């Protein structure tokens, strides 16, 4: 997410240099790794999954591979992961 050209940034301390960059895949990956906000979203996704499924439940689903319980689990997890991706997109990542 870029800062709009019309945005007025506050005066920065001399040791801070504001430099425009192109947000490519490499920089996006680095930002995701360093971002406490992305980490929090990832933690919330896991917490949402844990509300319904324990780690043991997840291992069981891996071993079962098929069936209505597995389908429900996969749908639930996919929904939580999609929520996390949406939240990260809101951050521009």
PDB file of N, CA and C in Angstrom:
ATOM      1  N   UNK A   1       0.850  -1.153   0.000  1.00  0.00           N
ATOM      2  CA  UNK A   1       0.000   0.000   0.000  1.00  0.00           C
ATOM      3  C   UNK A   1       0.904   1.227   0.000  1.00  0.00           C
ATOM      4  N   UNK A   2       0.676   2.109  -0.918  1.00  0.00           N
ATOM      5  CA  UNK A   2       1.509   3.301  -1.056  1.00  0.00           C
ATOM      6  C   UNK A   2       0.903   4.456  -0.275  1.00  0.00           C
ATOM      7  N   UNK A   3       1.772   5.360   0.127  1.00  0.00           N
ATOM      8  CA  UNK A   3       1.319   6.587   0.761  1.00  0.00           C
ATOM      9  C   UNK A   3       0.839   7.506  -0.357  1.00  0.00           C
ATOM     10  N   UNK A   4      -0.370   8.048  -0.245  1.00  0.00           N
ATOM     11  CA  UNK A   4      -0.865   8.936  -1.308  1.00  0.00           C
ATOM     12  C   UNK A   4       0.054  10.134  -1.496  1.00  0.00           C
ATOM     13  N   UNK A   5       0.198  10.580  -2.730  1.00  0.00           N
ATOM     14  CA  UNK A   5       1.077  11.709  -3.045  1.00  0.00           C
ATOM     15  C   UNK A   5       0.656  12.978  -2.311  1.00  0.00           C
ATOM     16  N   UNK A   6      -0.614  13.078  -1.971  1.00  0.00           N
ATOM     17  CA  UNK A   6      -1.120  14.273  -1.290  1.00  0.00           C
ATOM     18  C   UNK A   6      -0.934  14.223   0.224  1.00  0.00           C
ATOM     19  N   UNK A   7      -0.465  13.079   0.742  1.00  0.00           N
ATOM     20  CA  UNK A   7      -0.292  12.931   2.191  1.00  0.00           C
ATOM     21  C   UNK A   7       0.834  13.829   2.684  1.00  0.00           C
ATOM     22  N   UNK A   8       0.608  14.446   3.820  1.00  0.00           N
ATOM     23  CA  UNK A   8       1.624  15.296   4.452  1.00  0.00           C
ATOM     24  C   UNK A   8       2.245  14.487   5.588  1.00  0.00           C
ATOM     25  N   UNK A   9       3.500  14.110   5.402  1.00  0.00           N
ATOM     26  CA  UNK A   9       4.203  13.364   6.435  1.00  0.00           C
ATOM     27  C   UNK A   9       4.754  14.328   7.475  1.00  0.00           C
ATOM     28  N   UNK A  10       4.754  13.937   8.752  1.00  0.00           N
ATOM     29  CA  UNK A  10       5.335  14.805   9.764  1.00  0.00           C
ATOM     30  C   UNK A  10       6.843  14.923   9.547  1.00  0.00           C
ATOM     31  N   UNK A  11       7.420  15.961  10.101  1.00  0.00           N
ATOM     32  CA  UNK A  11       8.867  16.154  10.004  1.00  0.00           C
ATOM     33  C   UNK A  11       9.536  14.977  10.693  1.00  0.00           C
ATOM     34  N   UNK A  12      10.492  14.371  10.001  1.00  0.00           N
ATOM     35  CA  UNK A  12      11.180  13.195  10.521  1.00  0.00           C
ATOM     36  C   UNK A  12      12.504  13.605  11.166  1.00  0.00           C
ATOM     37  N   UNK A  13      12.938  12.868  12.198  1.00  0.00           N
ATOM     38  CA  UNK A  13      14.266  13.125  12.759  1.00  0.00           C
ATOM     39  C   UNK A  13      15.322  12.943  11.676  1.00  0.00           C
ATOM     40  N   UNK A  14      16.456  13.630  11.822  1.00  0.00           N
ATOM     41  CA  UNK A  14      17.505  13.605  10.795  1.00  0.00           C
ATOM     42  C   UNK A  14      17.996  12.195  10.475  1.00  0.00           C
ATOM     43  N   UNK A  15      17.997  11.297  11.462  1.00  0.00           N
ATOM     44  CA  UNK A  15      18.511   9.946  11.213  1.00  0.00           C
ATOM     45  C   UNK A  15      17.543   9.083  10.403  1.00  0.00           C
ATOM     46  N   UNK A  16      16.323   9.555  10.211  1.00  0.00           N
ATOM     47  CA  UNK A  16      15.355   8.814   9.406  1.00  0.00           C
ATOM     48  C   UNK A  16      15.323   9.404   8.005  1.00  0.00           C
ATOM     49  N   UNK A  17      15.578   8.566   7.037  1.00  0.00           N
ATOM     50  CA  UNK A  17      15.552   8.986   5.638  1.00  0.00           C
ATOM     51  C   UNK A  17      14.352   8.330   4.963  1.00  0.00           C
ATOM     52  N   UNK A  18      13.439   9.126   4.446  1.00  0.00           N
ATOM     53  CA  UNK A  18      12.281   8.614   3.736  1.00  0.00           C
ATOM     54  C   UNK A  18      12.687   8.434   2.279  1.00  0.00           C
ATOM     55  N   UNK A  19      12.622   7.180   1.819  1.00  0.00           N
ATOM     56  CA  UNK A  19      13.034   6.853   0.463  1.00  0.00           C
ATOM     57  C   UNK A  19      11.928   6.065  -0.228  1.00  0.00           C
ATOM     58  N   UNK A  20      11.463   6.542  -1.368  1.00  0.00           N
ATOM     59  CA  UNK A  20      10.454   5.764  -2.106  1.00  0.00           C
ATOM     60  C   UNK A  20      11.042   4.431  -2.568  1.00  0.00           C
ATOM     61  N   UNK A  21      10.234   3.386  -2.495  1.00  0.00           N
ATOM     62  CA  UNK A  21      10.665   2.065  -2.963  1.00  0.00           C
ATOM     63  C   UNK A  21       9.568   1.460  -3.818  1.00  0.00           C
ATOM     64  N   UNK A  22       9.955   0.491  -4.623  1.00  0.00           N
ATOM     65  CA  UNK A  22       8.982  -0.276  -5.387  1.00  0.00           C
ATOM     66  C   UNK A  22       8.690  -1.535  -4.587  1.00  0.00           C
ATOM     67  N   UNK A  23       7.422  -1.758  -4.288  1.00  0.00           N
ATOM     68  CA  UNK A  23       7.036  -2.909  -3.491  1.00  0.00           C
ATOM     69  C   UNK A  23       6.926  -4.129  -4.401  1.00  0.00           C
ATOM     70  N   UNK A  24       8.031  -4.870  -4.497  1.00  0.00           N
ATOM     71  CA  UNK A  24       8.040  -6.080  -5.316  1.00  0.00           C
ATOM     72  C   UNK A  24       7.851  -7.302  -4.422  1.00  0.00           C
ATOM     73  N   UNK A  25       7.892  -8.472  -5.002  1.00  0.00           N
ATOM     74  CA  UNK A  25       7.642  -9.710  -4.259  1.00  0.00           C
ATOM     75  C   UNK A  25       8.681  -9.936  -3.161  1.00  0.00           C
ATOM     76  N   UNK A  26       9.928  -9.604  -3.425  1.00  0.00           N
ATOM     77  CA  UNK A  26      10.998  -9.818  -2.443  1.00  0.00           C
ATOM     78  C   UNK A  26      10.794  -8.899  -1.234  1.00  0.00           C
ATOM     79  N   UNK A  27      10.534  -7.622  -1.497  1.00  0.00           N
ATOM     80  CA  UNK A  27      10.324  -6.674  -0.409  1.00  0.00           C
ATOM     81  C   UNK A  27       9.053  -7.017   0.363  1.00  0.00           C
ATOM     82  N   UNK A  28       8.006  -7.412  -0.326  1.00  0.00           N
ATOM     83  CA  UNK A  28       6.763  -7.809   0.338  1.00  0.00           C
ATOM     84  C   UNK A  28       7.018  -8.986   1.273  1.00  0.00           C
ATOM     85  N   UNK A  29       7.783  -9.970   0.821  1.00  0.00           N
ATOM     86  CA  UNK A  29       8.102 -11.137   1.653  1.00  0.00           C
ATOM     87  C   UNK A  29       8.893 -10.713   2.893  1.00  0.00           C
ATOM     88  N   UNK A  30       9.845  -9.804   2.718  1.00  0.00           N
ATOM     89  CA  UNK A  30      10.636  -9.317   3.859  1.00  0.00           C
ATOM     90  C   UNK A  30       9.756  -8.569   4.853  1.00  0.00           C
ATOM     91  N   UNK A  31       8.849  -7.749   4.343  1.00  0.00           N
ATOM     92  CA  UNK A  31       7.946  -7.005   5.221  1.00  0.00           C
ATOM     93  C   UNK A  31       7.027  -7.945   5.993  1.00  0.00           C
ATOM     94  N   UNK A  32       6.529  -8.973   5.317  1.00  0.00           N
ATOM     95  CA  UNK A  32       5.663  -9.942   5.992  1.00  0.00           C
ATOM     96  C   UNK A  32       6.402 -10.634   7.134  1.00  0.00           C
ATOM     97  N   UNK A  33       7.655 -10.981   6.902  1.00  0.00           N
ATOM     98  CA  UNK A  33       8.450 -11.649   7.944  1.00  0.00           C
ATOM     99  C   UNK A  33       8.724 -10.731   9.133  1.00  0.00           C
ATOM    100  N   UNK A  34       8.902  -9.440   8.862  1.00  0.00           N
ATOM    101  CA  UNK A  34       9.269  -8.501   9.915  1.00  0.00           C
ATOM    102  C   UNK A  34       8.064  -7.865  10.606  1.00  0.00           C
ATOM    103  N   UNK A  35       6.899  -7.964  10.014  1.00  0.00           N
ATOM    104  CA  UNK A  35       5.736  -7.237  10.504  1.00  0.00           C
ATOM    105  C   UNK A  35       5.094  -7.877  11.736  1.00  0.00           C
ATOM    106  N   UNK A  36       5.012  -7.133  12.835  1.00  0.00           N
ATOM    107  CA  UNK A  36       4.292  -7.660  13.995  1.00  0.00           C
ATOM    108  C   UNK A  36       2.794  -7.779  13.717  1.00  0.00           C
ATOM    109  N   UNK A  37       2.290  -6.981  12.787  1.00  0.00           N
ATOM    110  CA  UNK A  37       0.872  -7.040  12.436  1.00  0.00           C
ATOM    111  C   UNK A  37       0.549  -8.348  11.705  1.00  0.00           C
ATOM    112  N   UNK A  38       1.425  -8.747  10.792  1.00  0.00           N
ATOM    113  CA  UNK A  38       1.231 -10.015  10.071  1.00  0.00           C
ATOM    114  C   UNK A  38       1.326 -11.175  11.063  1.00  0.00           C
ATOM    115  N   UNK A  39       2.282 -11.090  11.974  1.00  0.00           N
ATOM    116  CA  UNK A  39       2.424 -12.145  12.987  1.00  0.00           C
ATOM    117  C   UNK A  39       1.143 -12.247  13.820  1.00  0.00           C
ATOM    118  N   UNK A  40       0.568 -11.120  14.190  1.00  0.00           N
ATOM    119  CA  UNK A  40      -0.662 -11.119  14.968  1.00  0.00           C
ATOM    120  C   UNK A  40      -1.823 -11.734  14.185  1.00  0.00           C
ATOM    121  N   UNK A  41      -1.925 -11.407  12.899  1.00  0.00           N
ATOM    122  CA  UNK A  41      -2.971 -12.007  12.060  1.00  0.00           C
ATOM    123  C   UNK A  41      -2.783 -13.522  12.013  1.00  0.00           C
ATOM    124  N   UNK A  42      -1.540 -13.970  11.810  1.00  0.00           N
ATOM    125  CA  UNK A  42      -1.274 -15.418  11.771  1.00  0.00           C
ATOM    126  C   UNK A  42      -1.658 -16.087  13.095  1.00  0.00           C
ATOM    127  N   UNK A  43      -1.343 -15.424  14.210  1.00  0.00           N
ATOM    128  CA  UNK A  43      -1.704 -15.969  15.520  1.00  0.00           C
ATOM    129  C   UNK A  43      -3.217 -16.032  15.688  1.00  0.00           C
ATOM    130  N   UNK A  44      -3.913 -15.028  15.182  1.00  0.00           N
ATOM    131  CA  UNK A  44      -5.373 -15.016  15.280  1.00  0.00           C
ATOM    132  C   UNK A  44      -5.998 -16.114  14.426  1.00  0.00           C
ATOM    133  N   UNK A  45      -5.415 -16.384  13.268  1.00  0.00           N
ATOM    134  CA  UNK A  45      -5.914 -17.478  12.425  1.00  0.00           C
ATOM    135  C   UNK A  45      -5.789 -18.803  13.189  1.00  0.00           C
ATOM    136  N   UNK A  46      -4.629 -19.035  13.790  1.00  0.00           N
ATOM    137  CA  UNK A  46      -4.432 -20.273  14.560  1.00  0.00           C
ATOM    138  C   UNK A  46      -5.409 -20.327  15.733  1.00  0.00           C
ATOM    139  N   UNK A  47      -5.601 -19.197  16.418  1.00  0.00           N
ATOM    140  CA  UNK A  47      -6.533 -19.166  17.556  1.00  0.00           C
ATOM    141  C   UNK A  47      -7.952 -19.489  17.111  1.00  0.00           C
ATOM    142  N   UNK A  48      -8.353 -18.969  15.952  1.00  0.00           N
ATOM    143  CA  UNK A  48      -9.690 -19.250  15.436  1.00  0.00           C
ATOM    144  C   UNK A  48      -9.842 -20.744  15.124  1.00  0.00           C
ATOM    145  N   UNK A  49      -8.791 -21.341  14.576  1.00  0.00           N
ATOM    146  CA  UNK A  49      -8.833 -22.779  14.289  1.00  0.00           C
ATOM    147  C   UNK A  49      -8.886 -23.564  15.601  1.00  0.00           C
ATOM    148  N   UNK A  50      -8.088 -23.138  16.587  1.00  0.00           N
ATOM    149  CA  UNK A  50      -8.048 -23.825  17.884  1.00  0.00           C
ATOM    150  C   UNK A  50      -9.372 -23.724  18.647  1.00  0.00           C
ATOM    151  N   UNK A  51     -10.185 -22.710  18.325  1.00  0.00           N
ATOM    152  CA  UNK A  51     -11.498 -22.611  18.967  1.00  0.00           C
ATOM    153  C   UNK A  51     -12.344 -23.851  18.642  1.00  0.00           C
ATOM    154  N   UNK A  52     -12.083 -24.432  17.490  1.00  0.00           N
ATOM    155  CA  UNK A  52     -12.898 -25.562  17.039  1.00  0.00           C
ATOM    156  C   UNK A  52     -12.120 -26.872  16.974  1.00  0.00           C
ATOM    157  N   UNK A  53     -10.831 -26.804  16.651  1.00  0.00           N
ATOM    158  CA  UNK A  53     -10.025 -28.008  16.477  1.00  0.00           C
ATOM    159  C   UNK A  53      -8.719 -27.900  17.266  1.00  0.00           C
ATOM    160  N   UNK A  54      -8.393 -28.944  18.008  1.00  0.00           N
ATOM    161  CA  UNK A  54      -7.105 -28.989  18.711  1.00  0.00           C
ATOM    162  C   UNK A  54      -6.028 -29.448  17.721  1.00  0.00           C
ATOM    163  N   UNK A  55      -4.782 -29.360  18.149  1.00  0.00           N
ATOM    164  CA  UNK A  55      -3.677 -29.857  17.300  1.00  0.00           C
ATOM    165  C   UNK A  55      -3.859 -31.361  17.064  1.00  0.00           C
ATOM    166  N   UNK A  56      -4.306 -32.070  18.087  1.00  0.00           N
ATOM    167  CA  UNK A  56      -4.557 -33.513  17.922  1.00  0.00           C
ATOM    168  C   UNK A  56      -5.656 -33.773  16.899  1.00  0.00           C
ATOM    169  N   UNK A  57      -6.710 -32.922  16.930  1.00  0.00           N
ATOM    170  CA  UNK A  57      -7.778 -33.056  15.932  1.00  0.00           C
ATOM    171  C   UNK A  57      -7.224 -32.873  14.526  1.00  0.00           C
ATOM    172  N   UNK A  58      -6.330 -31.909  14.379  1.00  0.00           N
ATOM    173  CA  UNK A  58      -5.766 -31.653  13.049  1.00  0.00           C
ATOM    174  C   UNK A  58      -4.940 -32.835  12.557  1.00  0.00           C
ATOM    175  N   UNK A  59      -4.163 -33.433  13.438  1.00  0.00           N
ATOM    176  CA  UNK A  59      -3.383 -34.616  13.057  1.00  0.00           C
ATOM    177  C   UNK A  59      -4.321 -35.745  12.640  1.00  0.00           C
ATOM    178  N   UNK A  60      -5.407 -35.902  13.385  1.00  0.00           N
ATOM    179  CA  UNK A  60      -6.407 -36.924  13.043  1.00  0.00           C
ATOM    180  C   UNK A  60      -6.959 -36.675  11.643  1.00  0.00           C
ATOM    181  N   UNK A  61      -7.248 -35.423  11.311  1.00  0.00           N
ATOM    182  CA  UNK A  61      -7.795 -35.097   9.993  1.00  0.00           C
ATOM    183  C   UNK A  61      -6.794 -35.437   8.884  1.00  0.00           C
ATOM    184  N   UNK A  62      -5.526 -35.226   9.154  1.00  0.00           N
ATOM    185  CA  UNK A  62      -4.486 -35.569   8.166  1.00  0.00           C
ATOM    186  C   UNK A  62      -4.504 -37.082   7.906  1.00  0.00           C
ATOM    187  N   UNK A  63      -4.635 -37.859   8.962  1.00  0.00           N
ATOM    188  CA  UNK A  63      -4.626 -39.306   8.813  1.00  0.00           C
ATOM    189  C   UNK A  63      -5.900 -39.836   8.180  1.00  0.00           C
ATOM    190  N   UNK A  64      -7.026 -39.182   8.452  1.00  0.00           N
ATOM    191  CA  UNK A  64      -8.292 -39.656   7.882  1.00  0.00           C
ATOM    192  C   UNK A  64      -8.363 -39.434   6.377  1.00  0.00           C
ATOM    193  N   UNK A  65      -7.862 -38.351   5.903  1.00  0.00           N
ATOM    194  CA  UNK A  65      -7.846 -37.936   4.495  1.00  0.00           C
ATOM    195  C   UNK A  65      -9.195 -37.685   3.845  1.00  0.00           C
ATOM    196  N   UNK A  66     -10.228 -38.462   4.148  1.00  0.00           N
ATOM    197  CA  UNK A  66     -11.530 -38.252   3.515  1.00  0.00           C
ATOM    198  C   UNK A  66     -12.645 -38.407   4.539  1.00  0.00           C
ATOM    199  N   UNK A  67     -13.840 -37.994   4.114  1.00  0.00           N
ATOM    200  CA  UNK A  67     -15.012 -38.141   4.964  1.00  0.00           C
ATOM    201  C   UNK A  67     -15.623 -36.789   5.299  1.00  0.00           C
ATOM    202  N   UNK A  68     -16.843 -36.800   5.826  1.00  0.00           N
ATOM    203  CA  UNK A  68     -17.543 -35.549   6.107  1.00  0.00           C
ATOM    204  C   UNK A  68     -16.848 -34.701   7.179  1.00  0.00           C
ATOM    205  N   UNK A  69     -16.258 -35.354   8.181  1.00  0.00           N
ATOM    206  CA  UNK A  69     -15.551 -34.592   9.213  1.00  0.00           C
ATOM    207  C   UNK A  69     -14.338 -33.876   8.629  1.00  0.00           C
ATOM    208  N   UNK A  70     -13.643 -34.562   7.742  1.00  0.00           N
ATOM    209  CA  UNK A  70     -12.460 -33.974   7.101  1.00  0.00           C
ATOM    210  C   UNK A  70     -12.884 -32.821   6.196  1.00  0.00           C
ATOM    211  N   UNK A  71     -13.958 -32.994   5.462  1.00  0.00           N
ATOM    212  CA  UNK A  71     -14.446 -31.934   4.576  1.00  0.00           C
ATOM    213  C   UNK A  71     -14.837 -30.698   5.388  1.00  0.00           C
ATOM    214  N   UNK A  72     -15.534 -30.911   6.511  1.00  0.00           N
ATOM    215  CA  UNK A  72     -15.933 -29.789   7.372  1.00  0.00           C
ATOM    216  C   UNK A  72     -14.699 -29.087   7.940  1.00  0.00           C
ATOM    217  N   UNK A  73     -13.715 -29.863   8.356  1.00  0.00           N
ATOM    218  CA  UNK A  73     -12.464 -29.310   8.892  1.00  0.00           C
ATOM    219  C   UNK A  73     -11.756 -28.463   7.834  1.00  0.00           C
ATOM    220  N   UNK A  74     -11.617 -29.008   6.650  1.00  0.00           N
ATOM    221  CA  UNK A  74     -10.916 -28.281   5.580  1.00  0.00           C
ATOM    222  C   UNK A  74     -11.642 -26.992   5.211  1.00  0.00           C
ATOM    223  N   UNK A  75     -12.959 -27.042   5.175  1.00  0.00           N
ATOM    224  CA  UNK A  75     -13.742 -25.836   4.873  1.00  0.00           C
ATOM    225  C   UNK A  75     -13.535 -24.790   5.957  1.00  0.00           C
ATOM    226  N   UNK A  76     -13.588 -25.223   7.210  1.00  0.00           N
ATOM    227  CA  UNK A  76     -13.407 -24.293   8.327  1.00  0.00           C
ATOM    228  C   UNK A  76     -12.026 -23.653   8.290  1.00  0.00           C
ATOM    229  N   UNK A  77     -11.001 -24.467   8.116  1.00  0.00           N
ATOM    230  CA  UNK A  77      -9.631 -23.946   8.074  1.00  0.00           C
ATOM    231  C   UNK A  77      -9.454 -23.010   6.881  1.00  0.00           C
ATOM    232  N   UNK A  78      -9.982 -23.389   5.725  1.00  0.00           N
ATOM    233  CA  UNK A  78      -9.863 -22.535   4.537  1.00  0.00           C
ATOM    234  C   UNK A  78     -10.530 -21.177   4.779  1.00  0.00           C
ATOM    235  N   UNK A  79     -11.641 -21.175   5.492  1.00  0.00           N
ATOM    236  CA  UNK A  79     -12.333 -19.925   5.809  1.00  0.00           C
ATOM    237  C   UNK A  79     -11.466 -19.041   6.703  1.00  0.00           C
ATOM    238  N   UNK A  80     -10.821 -19.644   7.691  1.00  0.00           N
ATOM    239  CA  UNK A  80      -9.970 -18.870   8.607  1.00  0.00           C
ATOM    240  C   UNK A  80      -8.722 -18.347   7.884  1.00  0.00           C
ATOM    241  N   UNK A  81      -8.149 -19.164   7.033  1.00  0.00           N
ATOM    242  CA  UNK A  81      -6.969 -18.736   6.265  1.00  0.00           C
ATOM    243  C   UNK A  81      -7.350 -17.598   5.314  1.00  0.00           C
ATOM    244  N   UNK A  82      -8.509 -17.688   4.689  1.00  0.00           N
ATOM    245  CA  UNK A  82      -8.977 -16.617   3.802  1.00  0.00           C
ATOM    246  C   UNK A  82      -9.169 -15.322   4.585  1.00  0.00           C
ATOM    247  N   UNK A  83      -9.711 -15.422   5.801  1.00  0.00           N
ATOM    248  CA  UNK A  83      -9.852 -14.241   6.658  1.00  0.00           C
ATOM    249  C   UNK A  83      -8.478 -13.616   6.898  1.00  0.00           C
ATOM    250  N   UNK A  84      -7.491 -14.458   7.218  1.00  0.00           N
ATOM    251  CA  UNK A  84      -6.130 -13.957   7.464  1.00  0.00           C
ATOM    252  C   UNK A  84      -5.547 -13.271   6.246  1.00  0.00           C
ATOM    253  N   UNK A  85      -5.745 -13.848   5.080  1.00  0.00           N
ATOM    254  CA  UNK A  85      -5.240 -13.230   3.849  1.00  0.00           C
ATOM    255  C   UNK A  85      -5.902 -11.881   3.601  1.00  0.00           C
ATOM    256  N   UNK A  86      -7.203 -11.788   3.877  1.00  0.00           N
ATOM    257  CA  UNK A  86      -7.914 -10.523   3.713  1.00  0.00           C
ATOM    258  C   UNK A  86      -7.351  -9.466   4.647  1.00  0.00           C
ATOM    259  N   UNK A  87      -7.079  -9.857   5.883  1.00  0.00           N
ATOM    260  CA  UNK A  87      -6.518  -8.920   6.868  1.00  0.00           C
ATOM    261  C   UNK A  87      -5.127  -8.443   6.434  1.00  0.00           C
ATOM    262  N   UNK A  88      -4.326  -9.333   5.879  1.00  0.00           N
ATOM    263  CA  UNK A  88      -2.999  -8.963   5.409  1.00  0.00           C
ATOM    264  C   UNK A  88      -3.087  -8.029   4.198  1.00  0.00           C
ATOM    265  N   UNK A  89      -4.068  -8.265   3.342  1.00  0.00           N
ATOM    266  CA  UNK A  89      -4.266  -7.373   2.191  1.00  0.00           C
ATOM    267  C   UNK A  89      -4.640  -5.970   2.661  1.00  0.00           C
ATOM    268  N   UNK A  90      -5.387  -5.876   3.754  1.00  0.00           N
ATOM    269  CA  UNK A  90      -5.723  -4.570   4.316  1.00  0.00           C
ATOM    270  C   UNK A  90      -4.472  -3.820   4.746  1.00  0.00           C
ATOM    271  N   UNK A  91      -3.429  -4.584   5.106  1.00  0.00           N
ATOM    272  CA  UNK A  91      -2.153  -3.983   5.484  1.00  0.00           C
ATOM    273  C   UNK A  91      -1.283  -3.684   4.264  1.00  0.00           C
ATOM    274  N   UNK A  92      -1.762  -4.083   3.111  1.00  0.00           N
ATOM    275  CA  UNK A  92      -0.981  -3.889   1.888  1.00  0.00           C
ATOM    276  C   UNK A  92       0.015  -4.999   1.659  1.00  0.00           C
ATOM    277  N   UNK A  93      -0.137  -6.090   2.390  1.00  0.00           N
ATOM    278  CA  UNK A  93       0.785  -7.217   2.269  1.00  0.00           C
ATOM    279  C   UNK A  93      -0.005  -8.421   1.833  1.00  0.00           C
TER     280      UNK A  93
END
